[in-house]
Amino acid sequence: MDISDVTWNEPARKKILDDADRVLQEAVQVVAEKPGLSSDDAFAELNGLLKDRFIDYEPGPDIRKYADAIADGEFSDSEPTS
């Protein structure tokens, strides 16, 4: 067996991704509840909430997209779906 053959099975992979989505949704919800944040402030707050929750976390374009949406008031008071 080659080391590249060592992977999570599909149910485990799905759970890992669902859990990661839930963590992201919760962080966005927390930051979105703070009125008047600029996109840069929302971006910084999201990164602060996420950086210790993932191995080798690096902020990417998704985080900027959600920070922009927070600053534009695009999120409702809905609960995370995952």
Protein backbone atom coordinates (compact mmCIF):
# COMPACT_ATOMS: atom_id res chain seq x y z
CA MET A 1 0.00 0.00 0.00
CA ASP A 2 1.26 3.46 -0.88
CA ILE A 3 0.91 6.28 1.65
CA SER A 4 -1.23 8.17 -0.87
CA ASP A 5 -3.79 5.37 -0.50
CA VAL A 6 -4.41 6.39 3.11
CA THR A 7 -7.52 8.60 3.05
CA TRP A 8 -10.76 9.10 4.92
CA ASN A 9 -13.68 7.06 3.65
CA GLU A 10 -16.52 8.99 2.02
CA PRO A 11 -18.84 9.13 5.08
CA ALA A 12 -15.97 10.41 7.23
CA ARG A 13 -14.92 12.91 4.54
CA LYS A 14 -18.50 14.21 4.33
CA LYS A 15 -18.70 14.60 8.12
CA ILE A 16 -15.38 16.47 8.20
CA LEU A 17 -16.59 18.89 5.52
CA ASP A 18 -19.99 19.31 7.19
CA ASP A 19 -18.26 20.07 10.50
CA ALA A 20 -15.97 22.59 8.79
CA ASP A 21 -18.97 24.28 7.14
CA ARG A 22 -20.73 24.48 10.51
CA VAL A 23 -17.69 26.14 12.14
CA LEU A 24 -17.56 28.66 9.29
CA GLN A 25 -21.31 29.34 9.48
CA GLU A 26 -21.13 29.88 13.24
CA ALA A 27 -18.22 32.32 12.87
CA VAL A 28 -20.03 34.28 10.15
CA GLN A 29 -23.17 34.39 12.28
CA VAL A 30 -21.27 35.71 15.32
CA VAL A 31 -19.54 38.43 13.33
CA ALA A 32 -22.70 39.33 11.37
CA GLU A 33 -24.46 40.11 14.67
CA LYS A 34 -22.08 43.04 15.23
CA PRO A 35 -23.53 46.12 13.55
CA GLY A 36 -21.50 48.61 11.58
CA LEU A 37 -18.40 46.55 10.88
CA SER A 38 -16.32 47.41 7.85
CA SER A 39 -15.31 44.60 5.53
CA ASP A 40 -11.74 44.73 6.90
CA ASP A 41 -12.98 44.55 10.50
CA ALA A 42 -15.30 41.65 9.68
CA PHE A 43 -12.45 39.91 7.87
CA ALA A 44 -10.18 40.30 10.89
CA GLU A 45 -12.86 39.05 13.28
CA LEU A 46 -13.62 36.03 11.10
CA ASN A 47 -9.94 35.15 10.94
CA GLY A 48 -9.65 35.51 14.70
CA LEU A 49 -12.52 33.06 15.21
CA LEU A 50 -11.33 30.55 12.61
CA LYS A 51 -7.53 30.49 12.88
CA ASP A 52 -7.36 28.12 15.85
CA ARG A 53 -10.16 25.86 14.62
CA PHE A 54 -8.34 24.45 11.56
CA ILE A 55 -4.93 22.91 11.00
CA ASP A 56 -2.78 25.17 8.80
CA TYR A 57 -5.54 27.77 8.48
CA GLU A 58 -4.94 30.43 5.85
CA PRO A 59 -7.62 33.01 5.05
CA GLY A 60 -8.75 32.85 1.47
CA PRO A 61 -11.16 34.53 -0.91
CA ASP A 62 -14.17 32.87 0.74
CA ILE A 63 -13.47 34.69 3.99
CA ARG A 64 -13.21 38.02 2.14
CA LYS A 65 -16.50 37.28 0.35
CA TYR A 66 -18.27 36.67 3.68
CA ALA A 67 -16.64 39.73 5.28
CA ASP A 68 -17.90 41.87 2.40
CA ALA A 69 -21.39 40.39 2.79
CA ILE A 70 -21.35 41.09 6.53
CA ALA A 71 -20.30 44.70 5.94
CA ASP A 72 -23.09 45.04 3.36
CA GLY A 73 -25.67 43.69 5.84
CA GLU A 74 -26.51 40.71 3.64
CA PHE A 75 -26.97 38.13 6.42
CA SER A 76 -30.28 37.55 8.16
CA ASP A 77 -30.75 36.20 11.65
CA SER A 78 -31.03 32.65 10.34
CA GLU A 79 -29.41 29.72 12.08
CA PRO A 80 -26.60 27.70 10.46
CA THR A 81 -27.95 24.89 8.29
CA SER A 82 -25.32 22.18 8.80
